[in-house]
Structure formats: C-alpha cells, structure tokens
Protein backbone atom coordinates (compact mmCIF):
# COMPACT_ATOMS: atom_id res chain seq x y z
CA MET A 1 40.94 -2.46 37.81
CA ARG A 2 39.37 -3.07 34.40
CA ALA A 3 38.17 -0.64 31.76
CA GLN A 4 36.68 -1.78 28.49
CA VAL A 5 36.94 0.32 25.35
CA GLY A 6 35.43 -1.19 22.21
CA LYS A 7 37.08 -4.56 21.73
CA ALA A 8 40.24 -3.74 23.70
CA THR A 9 40.48 -4.52 27.41
CA PHE A 10 42.73 -2.50 29.70
CA TRP A 11 43.96 -3.59 33.12
CA LEU A 12 45.02 -0.58 35.21
CA SER A 13 47.12 -0.91 38.38
CA GLY A 14 48.67 2.12 40.08
CA LYS A 15 51.11 3.90 37.75
CA TRP A 16 51.39 0.91 35.44
CA LEU A 17 49.10 0.37 32.50
CA GLU A 18 49.04 -3.12 31.04
CA ILE A 19 47.13 -3.53 27.79
CA HIS A 20 45.50 -6.82 26.93
CA ALA A 21 43.85 -6.63 23.50
CA ILE A 22 41.37 -9.46 23.21
CA ARG A 23 40.94 -9.18 19.47
CA LEU A 24 42.46 -5.90 18.31
CA GLY A 25 45.96 -4.67 19.00
CA LEU A 26 44.94 -1.04 19.42
CA PRO A 27 47.27 1.54 21.09
CA VAL A 28 45.97 3.13 24.27
CA GLU A 29 46.58 6.58 22.72
CA LYS A 30 43.65 5.88 20.39
CA TYR A 31 41.31 6.12 23.35
CA PHE A 32 43.18 8.14 26.02
CA THR A 33 44.67 11.41 24.83
CA SER A 34 45.91 12.71 28.19
CA GLU A 35 46.81 11.41 31.62
CA ALA A 36 44.00 13.50 33.06
CA ILE A 37 41.37 11.00 31.97
CA LEU A 38 43.25 7.89 33.15
CA PRO A 39 42.01 6.38 36.40
CA THR A 40 44.07 6.34 39.57
CA SER A 41 44.74 3.26 41.67
CA ASN A 42 41.69 4.20 43.77
CA SER A 43 39.36 4.50 40.77
CA THR A 44 36.41 2.19 40.28
CA PHE A 45 35.18 0.50 37.12
CA PHE A 46 34.30 2.93 34.34
CA ASN A 47 33.13 2.68 30.72
CA VAL A 48 34.07 5.22 28.06
CA ALA A 49 31.88 3.73 25.30
CA LYS A 50 29.75 6.11 23.28
CA ASP A 51 26.42 6.96 24.93
CA LEU A 52 24.04 5.67 22.27
CA ILE A 53 20.90 7.24 23.74
CA LYS A 54 22.33 10.72 24.33
CA LYS A 55 20.66 11.80 21.10
CA CYS A 56 17.33 10.63 22.55
CA ARG A 57 17.77 12.71 25.71
CA ASP A 58 18.87 15.72 23.66
CA TYR A 59 16.02 15.47 21.13
CA ARG A 60 13.73 18.50 21.55
CA ASP A 61 12.08 19.11 18.18
CA SER A 62 8.72 17.53 18.97
CA ALA A 63 8.61 19.00 22.49
CA ASP A 64 9.38 22.47 21.16
CA ALA A 65 6.61 22.19 18.55
CA ARG A 66 4.13 21.04 21.22
CA ALA A 67 5.17 23.93 23.46
CA GLN A 68 4.41 26.37 20.63
CA GLY A 69 1.03 24.74 20.05
CA PHE A 70 1.45 23.41 16.51
CA TYR A 71 2.78 19.86 16.70
CA PRO A 72 1.03 18.24 13.69
CA TYR A 73 1.84 14.54 13.99
CA PHE A 74 0.32 11.49 15.68
CA ARG A 75 -3.07 13.15 15.97
CA ARG A 76 -5.53 10.71 17.47
CA ILE A 77 -8.61 9.89 15.40
CA ASP A 78 -11.51 8.80 17.58
CA ASP A 79 -13.95 7.88 14.82
CA THR A 80 -14.20 7.80 11.04
CA PHE A 81 -17.20 8.18 8.77
CA GLY A 82 -16.69 8.47 5.04
CA ASN A 83 -14.26 11.26 4.29
CA HIS A 84 -14.67 12.80 7.76
CA VAL A 85 -12.97 11.98 11.07
CA ILE A 86 -13.64 12.89 14.68
CA CYS A 87 -10.70 14.32 16.64
CA ASP A 88 -10.99 15.80 20.12
CA GLY A 89 -14.74 15.52 19.78
CA GLU A 90 -14.85 17.69 16.66
CA PRO A 91 -15.51 16.65 13.02
CA LYS A 92 -12.76 17.25 10.47
CA ILE A 93 -12.74 16.92 6.70
CA MET A 94 -9.95 14.44 5.93
CA ILE A 95 -7.70 15.64 3.11
CA GLY A 96 -4.54 13.86 4.25
CA SER A 97 -5.54 10.27 3.48
CA ASN A 98 -4.50 8.04 0.57
CA ASN A 99 -7.91 6.34 0.59
CA TYR A 100 -8.38 7.47 -3.01
CA LEU A 101 -11.48 5.42 -3.86
CA GLY A 102 -13.12 5.63 -0.44
CA LEU A 103 -12.99 1.84 0.00
CA ALA A 104 -11.48 1.79 3.49
CA GLN A 105 -14.90 2.46 5.01
CA ASP A 106 -16.99 0.58 2.44
CA GLU A 107 -19.33 -1.74 4.36
CA ARG A 108 -18.76 -4.59 1.92
CA VAL A 109 -15.00 -4.40 2.43
CA VAL A 110 -15.35 -4.22 6.20
CA GLU A 111 -17.72 -7.20 6.24
CA ALA A 112 -15.36 -9.25 4.06
CA ALA A 113 -12.53 -8.50 6.49
CA CYS A 114 -14.71 -9.58 9.41
CA ASP A 115 -15.71 -12.79 7.63
CA ALA A 116 -12.05 -13.64 7.00
CA ALA A 117 -11.18 -13.08 10.66
CA ARG A 118 -14.07 -15.28 11.78
CA ARG A 119 -12.95 -18.08 9.47
CA PHE A 120 -9.15 -17.93 9.87
CA GLY A 121 -8.68 -16.01 13.13
CA SER A 122 -7.08 -12.69 13.91
CA GLY A 123 -3.64 -13.68 12.64
CA CYS A 124 -1.71 -16.47 10.93
CA THR A 125 1.01 -16.61 13.64
CA GLY A 126 3.72 -17.68 11.24
CA SER A 127 5.50 -16.85 8.01
CA ARG A 128 4.26 -17.73 4.56
CA LEU A 129 7.09 -20.25 4.19
CA LEU A 130 5.99 -22.28 7.19
CA ASN A 131 2.48 -22.26 8.63
CA GLY A 132 1.26 -18.83 7.54
CA THR A 133 -0.20 -19.43 4.06
CA ILE A 134 -4.00 -19.52 3.92
CA LYS A 135 -6.36 -19.88 0.98
CA LEU A 136 -7.15 -16.15 0.98
CA HIS A 137 -3.49 -15.31 0.34
CA GLU A 138 -3.39 -17.49 -2.75
CA ASP A 139 -6.81 -16.26 -3.90
CA LEU A 140 -5.63 -12.65 -3.67
CA GLU A 141 -2.35 -13.39 -5.45
CA GLU A 142 -4.24 -15.09 -8.27
CA ALA A 143 -6.76 -12.23 -8.56
CA LEU A 144 -3.98 -9.63 -8.68
CA ALA A 145 -2.04 -11.58 -11.30
CA ILE A 146 -5.12 -11.68 -13.53
CA PHE A 147 -5.90 -8.00 -12.90
CA LEU A 148 -2.33 -6.83 -13.62
CA GLN A 149 -1.86 -9.30 -16.49
CA ARG A 150 1.20 -10.86 -14.85
CA GLU A 151 2.24 -14.48 -14.50
CA ALA A 152 2.46 -14.42 -10.71
CA VAL A 153 2.17 -12.24 -7.61
CA LEU A 154 3.69 -12.48 -4.13
CA LEU A 155 2.12 -10.82 -1.08
CA TYR A 156 4.14 -9.09 1.65
CA SER A 157 2.98 -7.93 5.07
CA THR A 158 3.73 -4.30 4.16
CA GLY A 159 4.59 -2.33 1.06
CA PHE A 160 7.85 -1.32 2.72
CA PHE A 161 8.79 -4.98 3.04
CA ALA A 162 7.84 -5.65 -0.58
CA ASN A 163 10.37 -3.12 -1.88
CA GLN A 164 13.06 -4.09 0.59
CA GLY A 165 12.57 -7.79 0.06
CA ALA A 166 12.69 -7.60 -3.72
CA LEU A 167 15.63 -5.19 -4.00
CA ILE A 168 17.78 -7.02 -1.48
CA SER A 169 17.09 -10.44 -3.01
CA LEU A 170 17.43 -9.59 -6.69
CA THR A 171 20.79 -7.79 -6.60
CA GLU A 172 24.37 -8.81 -5.88
CA ASP A 173 27.65 -7.12 -4.99
CA ASP A 174 28.70 -6.11 -8.50
CA ASP A 175 25.26 -4.84 -9.54
CA ALA A 176 23.96 -1.27 -9.65
CA ILE A 177 20.51 0.08 -8.76
CA LEU A 178 19.58 3.23 -10.68
CA CYS A 179 17.14 5.08 -8.46
CA ASP A 180 15.08 8.20 -9.14
CA ARG A 181 16.06 10.58 -6.36
CA GLU A 182 12.42 11.31 -5.44
CA ASN A 183 11.56 7.67 -4.90
CA HIS A 184 9.77 6.61 -1.72
CA ALA A 185 11.70 5.87 1.46
CA SER A 186 10.96 2.14 1.17
CA ILE A 187 12.80 2.13 -2.17
CA ILE A 188 15.69 4.20 -0.82
CA ASP A 189 16.09 1.89 2.18
CA GLY A 190 15.82 -1.17 -0.03
CA CYS A 191 18.62 0.23 -2.19
CA MET A 192 20.75 1.02 0.86
CA PHE A 193 20.28 -2.44 2.39
CA SER A 194 20.90 -4.28 -0.87
CA PRO A 195 24.41 -5.45 -1.82
CA ALA A 196 24.27 -3.41 -5.04
CA LYS A 197 25.74 0.03 -5.64
CA LEU A 198 23.17 2.84 -5.42
CA VAL A 199 23.28 5.17 -8.44
CA PRO A 200 20.74 8.01 -8.15
CA PHE A 201 19.55 9.89 -11.21
CA ARG A 202 17.81 13.25 -11.56
CA HIS A 203 14.07 13.09 -10.98
CA ASN A 204 12.08 11.87 -13.98
CA SER A 205 15.00 12.47 -16.33
CA ALA A 206 15.81 9.95 -19.04
CA SER A 207 18.90 11.98 -20.00
CA SER A 208 20.24 11.80 -16.44
CA LEU A 209 19.54 8.07 -16.36
CA ARG A 210 21.37 7.62 -19.65
CA ALA A 211 24.42 9.53 -18.39
CA ARG A 212 24.66 7.31 -15.34
CA LEU A 213 24.12 4.10 -17.27
CA LYS A 214 26.95 5.05 -19.62
CA ARG A 215 29.37 5.23 -16.69
CA LEU A 216 28.63 1.71 -15.50
CA PRO A 217 30.56 -1.33 -16.73
CA GLU A 218 28.75 -2.85 -19.68
CA ALA A 219 28.77 -6.30 -18.12
CA SER A 220 27.43 -5.23 -14.71
CA GLY A 221 23.91 -6.08 -13.58
CA LYS A 222 21.63 -3.03 -13.67
CA LEU A 223 18.22 -2.44 -12.09
CA MET A 224 16.26 0.77 -12.68
CA ILE A 225 13.55 1.55 -10.14
CA MET A 226 11.11 4.43 -9.81
CA ASP A 227 7.67 5.32 -8.54
CA GLY A 228 4.83 5.40 -11.05
CA VAL A 229 3.29 8.33 -9.16
CA PHE A 230 5.50 10.26 -6.73
CA SER A 231 4.13 10.50 -3.21
CA MET A 232 5.12 14.11 -2.43
CA SER A 233 4.98 15.95 -5.74
CA GLY A 234 2.09 13.97 -7.23
CA ASP A 235 3.66 13.90 -10.68
CA ILE A 236 3.60 10.90 -12.99
CA ALA A 237 6.76 9.07 -14.03
CA ASP A 238 7.85 9.66 -17.60
CA LEU A 239 7.94 5.91 -18.11
CA PRO A 240 8.04 5.77 -21.93
CA SER A 241 11.39 7.55 -22.25
CA ILE A 242 12.86 6.15 -19.04
CA ILE A 243 11.96 2.52 -19.76
CA GLU A 244 13.28 2.87 -23.32
CA THR A 245 16.57 4.23 -21.98
CA ALA A 246 16.87 1.52 -19.35
CA LYS A 247 16.20 -1.25 -21.87
CA GLU A 248 18.79 0.18 -24.26
CA PHE A 249 21.44 -0.60 -21.64
CA GLY A 250 19.98 -3.96 -20.66
CA ALA A 251 18.68 -2.79 -17.28
CA PHE A 252 16.02 -4.71 -15.37
CA THR A 253 13.02 -2.40 -14.86
CA TYR A 254 10.97 -2.09 -11.67
CA VAL A 255 8.04 0.28 -11.07
CA ASP A 256 6.40 1.03 -7.70
CA GLU A 257 2.66 1.54 -8.33
CA ALA A 258 1.69 2.37 -4.72
CA HIS A 259 0.01 5.69 -5.59
CA ALA A 260 -1.02 4.71 -9.13
CA LEU A 261 -3.04 1.57 -8.42
CA GLY A 262 -6.73 2.53 -8.59
CA VAL A 263 -5.80 5.97 -9.90
CA LEU A 264 -4.26 5.55 -13.34
CA GLY A 265 -4.58 3.18 -16.25
CA PRO A 266 -7.44 1.03 -17.56
CA ALA A 267 -9.56 -0.10 -14.57
CA GLY A 268 -6.93 1.43 -12.25
CA ARG A 269 -4.10 -0.95 -13.21
CA GLY A 270 -1.50 1.78 -12.71
CA THR A 271 1.10 3.82 -14.55
CA VAL A 272 2.62 0.91 -16.45
CA HIS A 273 -0.73 0.12 -18.07
CA HIS A 274 -1.50 3.84 -18.43
CA PHE A 275 1.41 4.04 -20.88
CA GLY A 276 0.86 0.58 -22.38
CA LEU A 277 4.21 -0.71 -21.12
CA ASN A 278 3.21 -3.89 -19.34
CA ASP A 279 5.38 -6.04 -21.61
CA ASP A 280 8.40 -3.77 -21.11
CA VAL A 281 8.47 -3.54 -17.30
CA ASP A 282 9.98 -6.56 -15.56
CA LEU A 283 8.58 -6.14 -12.06
CA VAL A 284 5.69 -4.15 -10.61
CA MET A 285 5.19 -3.45 -6.93
CA GLY A 286 2.06 -2.14 -5.24
CA THR A 287 0.43 -1.56 -1.88
CA PHE A 288 -3.01 -2.08 -0.40
CA SER A 289 -2.84 0.96 1.89
CA LYS A 290 -4.04 3.48 -0.69
CA SER A 291 -6.84 2.81 -3.17
CA LEU A 292 -7.60 -0.65 -1.76
CA GLY A 293 -8.11 0.75 1.73
CA SER A 294 -6.09 -1.61 3.91
CA MET A 295 -2.40 -2.44 4.40
CA GLY A 296 0.22 -4.74 2.93
CA GLY A 297 2.00 -4.96 -0.39
CA PHE A 298 2.93 -7.19 -3.30
CA VAL A 299 5.28 -7.68 -6.22
CA ALA A 300 4.09 -8.94 -9.61
CA GLY A 301 6.22 -10.40 -12.36
CA SER A 302 7.25 -13.58 -14.08
CA ALA A 303 6.64 -16.91 -12.41
CA GLU A 304 10.39 -17.57 -12.11
CA ILE A 305 11.05 -14.26 -10.33
CA ILE A 306 8.20 -14.82 -7.88
CA GLU A 307 9.31 -18.41 -7.19
CA TYR A 308 12.82 -17.15 -6.44
CA LEU A 309 11.57 -14.43 -4.09
CA LYS A 310 9.34 -16.90 -2.24
CA HIS A 311 12.44 -18.82 -1.20
CA LYS A 312 15.06 -16.05 -0.94
CA SER A 313 13.33 -12.89 0.33
CA ARG A 314 14.06 -12.51 4.03
CA CYS A 315 11.35 -9.87 4.38
CA LEU A 316 8.87 -12.60 3.47
CA ILE A 317 10.45 -15.63 5.14
CA PHE A 318 11.22 -14.09 8.52
CA THR A 319 8.02 -12.18 9.26
CA ALA A 320 4.44 -13.20 9.98
CA SER A 321 2.16 -13.39 6.97
CA MET A 322 -0.61 -10.93 6.13
CA ALA A 323 -3.55 -11.11 8.58
CA PRO A 324 -6.64 -12.91 7.24
CA ALA A 325 -8.80 -9.79 7.69
CA VAL A 326 -6.43 -7.81 5.48
CA ALA A 327 -6.40 -10.40 2.71
CA GLY A 328 -10.18 -10.81 2.80
CA GLY A 329 -10.83 -7.07 2.79
CA VAL A 330 -8.39 -6.37 -0.04
CA LEU A 331 -9.84 -9.16 -2.16
CA LYS A 332 -13.29 -7.57 -1.87
CA ALA A 333 -11.91 -4.05 -2.48
CA LEU A 334 -10.21 -5.24 -5.67
CA GLU A 335 -13.50 -6.72 -6.84
CA ILE A 336 -15.40 -3.48 -6.13
CA MET A 337 -12.76 -1.30 -7.79
CA GLN A 338 -13.16 -3.23 -11.04
CA ALA A 339 -16.97 -3.37 -10.83
CA GLU A 340 -17.46 0.33 -10.05
CA PRO A 341 -15.36 2.46 -12.47
CA GLU A 342 -17.45 5.48 -11.46
CA ARG A 343 -15.25 5.73 -8.37
CA MET A 344 -12.24 6.62 -10.52
CA ASP A 345 -14.36 9.04 -12.51
CA ALA A 346 -15.37 10.85 -9.31
CA LEU A 347 -11.78 10.85 -8.09
CA TRP A 348 -10.60 12.63 -11.23
CA ARG A 349 -13.45 15.16 -11.15
CA ASN A 350 -12.42 16.07 -7.61
CA THR A 351 -8.76 16.14 -8.58
CA ARG A 352 -9.32 18.61 -11.42
CA LYS A 353 -11.53 20.76 -9.19
CA MET A 354 -8.85 21.04 -6.50
CA HIS A 355 -6.01 21.69 -8.96
CA ASP A 356 -7.97 24.56 -10.48
CA GLY A 357 -9.21 25.80 -7.10
CA PHE A 358 -5.82 26.02 -5.42
CA ARG A 359 -4.23 27.66 -8.45
CA SER A 360 -7.01 30.25 -8.64
CA ILE A 361 -6.33 31.22 -5.01
CA GLY A 362 -2.67 31.74 -5.88
CA PHE A 363 -1.06 28.66 -4.37
CA LYS A 364 1.82 26.96 -6.10
CA ILE A 365 1.09 23.25 -6.40
CA GLY A 366 4.12 22.29 -8.47
CA THR A 367 3.84 19.72 -11.23
CA THR A 368 1.21 17.45 -9.75
CA GLN A 369 -0.99 15.56 -12.19
CA THR A 370 -2.80 13.37 -9.67
CA PRO A 371 -4.98 13.51 -6.51
CA ILE A 372 -1.83 14.28 -4.52
CA VAL A 373 -1.71 18.07 -4.29
CA PRO A 374 1.29 19.65 -2.48
CA ILE A 375 0.51 23.20 -1.31
CA LEU A 376 3.72 25.22 -1.17
CA ILE A 377 3.97 27.23 2.07
CA GLY A 378 7.67 28.05 2.46
CA SER A 379 9.25 28.05 5.90
CA GLU A 380 8.89 25.02 8.14
CA THR A 381 7.39 27.09 10.96
CA LYS A 382 4.77 28.58 8.66
CA ALA A 383 3.85 25.13 7.38
CA PHE A 384 3.33 23.88 10.93
CA HIS A 385 1.30 26.97 11.82
CA PHE A 386 -0.82 26.69 8.66
CA THR A 387 -1.54 23.02 9.37
CA GLN A 388 -2.56 23.79 12.95
CA ARG A 389 -4.95 26.51 11.81
CA LEU A 390 -6.46 24.11 9.27
CA TYR A 391 -7.04 21.64 12.08
CA GLU A 392 -8.71 24.30 14.22
CA GLU A 393 -10.95 25.16 11.26
CA GLY A 394 -12.01 21.53 10.81
CA VAL A 395 -9.62 20.33 8.10
CA PHE A 396 -7.23 17.43 8.69
CA ALA A 397 -4.01 17.69 6.67
CA THR A 398 -0.30 17.24 7.40
CA PRO A 399 2.86 19.19 6.57
CA ALA A 400 5.99 17.88 4.90
CA ILE A 401 9.27 19.57 5.77
CA TYR A 402 12.98 19.07 5.10
CA PRO A 403 14.32 16.49 4.33
CA ALA A 404 11.04 15.26 2.84
CA VAL A 405 11.14 18.40 0.68
CA LYS A 406 13.83 20.96 -0.04
CA TYR A 407 14.86 23.18 2.84
CA GLY A 408 12.71 26.32 2.97
CA GLU A 409 10.07 24.81 0.67
CA ALA A 410 7.79 23.11 3.20
CA ILE A 411 4.36 22.07 1.99
CA VAL A 412 0.97 21.07 3.27
CA ARG A 413 0.45 17.72 1.57
CA THR A 414 -3.16 17.17 0.56
CA SER A 415 -4.74 14.22 -1.23
CA PHE A 416 -8.29 13.79 -2.35
CA MET A 417 -10.82 10.99 -2.57
CA SER A 418 -13.69 10.01 -4.82
CA SER A 419 -15.99 10.30 -1.80
CA HIS A 420 -15.35 14.01 -1.21
CA SER A 421 -18.47 16.02 -1.99
CA ASP A 422 -18.47 19.38 -3.79
CA SER A 423 -19.54 21.06 -0.57
CA ASP A 424 -16.58 19.48 1.27
CA LEU A 425 -14.14 20.66 -1.35
CA ASP A 426 -15.60 24.16 -1.62
CA HIS A 427 -15.32 24.50 2.16
CA VAL A 428 -11.69 23.37 2.07
CA LEU A 429 -10.82 25.90 -0.63
CA GLU A 430 -12.55 28.69 1.28
CA ILE A 431 -10.55 27.89 4.42
CA PHE A 432 -7.23 27.72 2.53
CA ALA A 433 -7.91 31.09 0.91
CA ARG A 434 -8.80 32.70 4.22
CA LEU A 435 -5.79 31.27 6.06
CA ALA A 436 -3.40 32.32 3.29
CA ARG A 437 -4.53 35.92 3.85
CA GLU A 438 -4.53 35.61 7.63
CA LEU A 439 -1.04 34.06 7.84
CA GLY A 440 0.62 36.00 5.04
CA THR A 441 1.48 32.86 3.08
CA PHE A 442 2.13 34.70 -0.16
CA ASP A 443 4.64 36.98 1.57
CA ASP A 444 7.02 34.05 2.05
CA PRO A 445 10.14 34.24 -0.16
CA VAL A 446 9.05 31.18 -2.16
CA TYR A 447 6.22 33.39 -3.45
CA SER A 448 7.59 36.93 -3.16
CA GLU A 449 11.18 36.17 -4.24
CA PRO A 450 11.05 33.14 -6.53
CA GLY A 451 14.30 32.05 -8.12
CA ARG A 452 17.18 29.74 -7.41
CA ARG A 453 18.14 28.38 -4.01
CA LYS A 454 20.95 26.28 -2.68
CA ASN A 455 19.91 22.65 -2.59
CA VAL A 456 20.78 21.19 0.82
CA PHE A 457 18.91 17.93 0.41
CA ASP A 458 21.02 14.93 1.45
CA PHE A 459 20.26 12.85 -1.65
CA SER A 460 21.15 15.62 -4.06
CA LEU A 461 22.27 15.70 -7.65
CA GLN A 462 22.92 19.36 -8.25
CA TYR A 463 23.20 21.32 -11.44
CA ALA A 464 26.66 22.37 -12.50
CA ASN A 465 26.45 25.60 -10.50
CA GLY A 466 25.40 23.75 -7.34
CA SER A 467 21.85 25.02 -7.20
CA GLU A 468 18.41 24.03 -8.38
CA ASP A 469 15.26 25.82 -9.41
CA VAL A 470 12.62 26.20 -6.75
CA ARG A 471 9.30 24.68 -7.64
CA LYS A 472 7.84 26.16 -10.79
CA ASP A 473 5.13 28.77 -10.80
CA ALA A 474 1.67 27.33 -10.22
CA GLY A 475 0.38 28.94 -13.40
CA ALA A 476 2.74 26.92 -15.60
CA PRO A 477 1.21 24.01 -17.50
CA PRO A 478 1.55 20.61 -15.86
CA ARG A 479 4.67 18.68 -16.84
CA ASN A 480 6.59 15.71 -15.50
CA GLY A 481 9.46 16.41 -13.13
CA SER A 482 9.60 18.51 -9.99
CA SER A 483 12.16 19.81 -7.54
CA LEU A 484 10.44 18.32 -4.53
CA HIS A 485 12.45 15.62 -2.83
CA ALA A 486 10.17 12.84 -1.61
CA VAL A 487 12.00 10.47 0.67
CA ILE A 488 9.25 9.97 3.32
CA PRO A 489 6.43 7.30 4.22
CA GLY A 490 3.55 7.75 1.76
C-alpha cells in the first residue's frame, strides 16, 4: 500500500515499512510520531497532507455578523444617481465613495466611455505588449504626462497592479524598500512580492526614516515609498521633510497619489505638486478609481524608467490591457477636471463643513486634512452596529476594523464629494449625532478612557515601552501623522 507525505513516498506492507524518498531523504518519524497512526496491512490508501480548505469550512465571521443583523459588506447597489444610491428599493446618501469630484456619473464621461466601446469593442483581449494597445491608451498616457509634467506615463489595468508591477520590477535582491507603515495594501503587497528587503518606518516620520536609512549599507539600493494622502486616516504626507531625508541618503523616491489626484495641488495634480516637489520625486503613481471616476492605474516618471517597465513589468505584460471604455471615460474625466476647477472648490467647502460638523458633535476624527473623514467608534461590534443603523436611516457608509485600524479603535470611514449638497450633509450630521446618543458611542473607552493602549497591529513599530498613543483628541489642531494603521483596499 502507498501513502504520500509531501515529497516522500512510503510503501507499507504488513509489519514492514519500506521508505522510498523520491526527492527528499526524510525520516518517517518526521511524519509519524506513533504506531497508532500507521496503517495495518488491511488499510487502504490514505493521505495525511494538510487540509488546505479547512480554514474555509471553519470561517464563521461573516456568517456570525449576518446572523446578528449587521454584516456591512458587499451591499448590492441597484441604481445610482449623483451622490445617492438605491439599495433594497430605498434611497441612501452615499458617503463611502471615493468619487471625489462626482465624475463617475457625469453624462459626458459616460458618453465618452460608450463611444470608446463602440469604436474599439468591449475589451482589448490581449496585453499591451502584444495586441492590446489602442490609440486611446497612448492618448491617455500622453495627456497624463502633460498634466503631471512628467516625461512619460504607463497605464496599468488596476492601481494595485501599478504598485506591484513597479516595485517588483525596479528592485533587486540586495535593495531595500523603505515603506511608511500606513501605506495602502497594494504598496505593502508590492513590497512583499519584490526581491528587496522591506524596511518599514513610523508613519509620516522623517526621523524614523532617517534612523532606518542609517542602518542600511551605504552602497545598497534604496527606494522610499509612501502615499500622498493616506486612505484610512485622511492625513497628508509630510513630503518636504521625508523627501529631503530620502535624498540625503541617495534613495529613489516614489509617491502614490491615488487619493490626492483631483484633491490636492494646482489643478488637482496631487501632493507632489501641492508641495512643489515634482523635480525631487522620481516616480509618481495614481489611480482612476477615485477623482477620475473609473478604474485602472498608472505610473509617471522619466522616459527611461517607463521604457524599462514596459518590457519588464509582469503585471503589465501578463494581463489584458485596460478596456477601451475605461480609457475613453478617464480621458474625458481628466479634461473636465482641468476645465472645471469649481469642482475642487466645492469638494473643499464640503470637506471643511464635515470636519467642523463631526467635531462639534463630539466625534474624534483624528488628523485628517482631506475629504476622507474617519469617525472613531471604538469596539468592532459597535462599529458594525453603528454602520447598520446608518444604513437603516438612509446613509451608506462602511466600517474599518482591525487590522485595517488598531484593535479596539474601529472607525466608520466616510469620504465626501463635490456633488454633496448642504442639505445632504446636514442630514448626515443630524443622523450621526442622533445615533451617537442612541448607541452610547461616547461611552466607549476610546472616548471615556483615552490614553495609551497596547498596539497589536501586525505591521507595528512600537515605542520603546511597547505601546502607542490612541488617536488624538478631535479638538486638537490638524497635524500630519496618525496612529491609524491603513493596510486595506482604498
């Protein structure tokens, strides 16, 4: 009889055990610790390999949340109009979308996407390297390069792929990637999949970055990467000090502008332009799934970097190219964003209104400086319950829990659009205030017993005493840096 364990094959016959190792000379004791588990001469074929899907059968988190009536994810949207959606036949005010400039539903953008599909079809059915490059791709790359004042741009099918593709391709075994610990999951995964060593530094801290750069060999390749605007906390990267520090040590600099494009900087060019650092940042990445109202991503840099990535980035070469409708729609959205600066003006009016409104109610919103407004709730259960009650009251938002944020500091993540009306926003604030009283939000320890908590986040860099401050009081003036940990899709 035959039993396979890993790469070793065992032939069992009666009381005799003959081991035939196909590739590995592994002792049988490594797999069988007692005679009780060995088969008898009458036994049939068996396999003692690990059951890979046991974790799937055992997974109960989502089922338990559904059973309690507050599962907040994968809610079906039946229709969308402006900043409202229809779910279960009821209208909801959408405050969980990254559609900052309201362009996703703009009729001109939609028509441009339809025109592109009519001309080039529903898909390109191939990669950019082979048969998947159409004129719209090159038109969009050229328009973005001009807009961002870069030599060249390369489109990717998703923003996730853009970060992965660039980080994996640009680094080698002896290199190091210095990564802000609140960077987006696409950056974290790109760092993990790359051949380089991952060196995290404390969020938005030039001093922490400096300390880690000092420990690296002087001759090693170094790449510093961070978000321009952080997707959970909503704070803005302290790029001036961080870029200066990185350049002092000869590090290549890379900024993800996913949540900054269309939000910050002249004409919405992003955080790099907001600080006047375009000549000091080597590579900029962005997405089309926020302000430009679609999907996909890009990297922008020197012509030589882009030419290299076009021929070395597996995330570009081995996946189908961006759909024509996406490229056509984004090209029109980019045009509108530049022609209608009043959209950014309205976005910032709404942002200031909601910052002031939530703080006046008593909510802690951390260090946000942008349309991303994290509402601190506390326990994970309370955050789920609060989100469900919002939904029942006609407000669509989503919670973020550990490990997206620190354990015990769950939030309701809200984000606001230029298209929100004052009446929409007033209604949202009224509902938040009422639910905070109804659900006892301010009785949670994060409000009633503020102080220091043990940091149990996986990607942690703790203070010397092993703990970190909880998020700062909402009444404190805005400043860069936060204790939220933002390793989730944004």
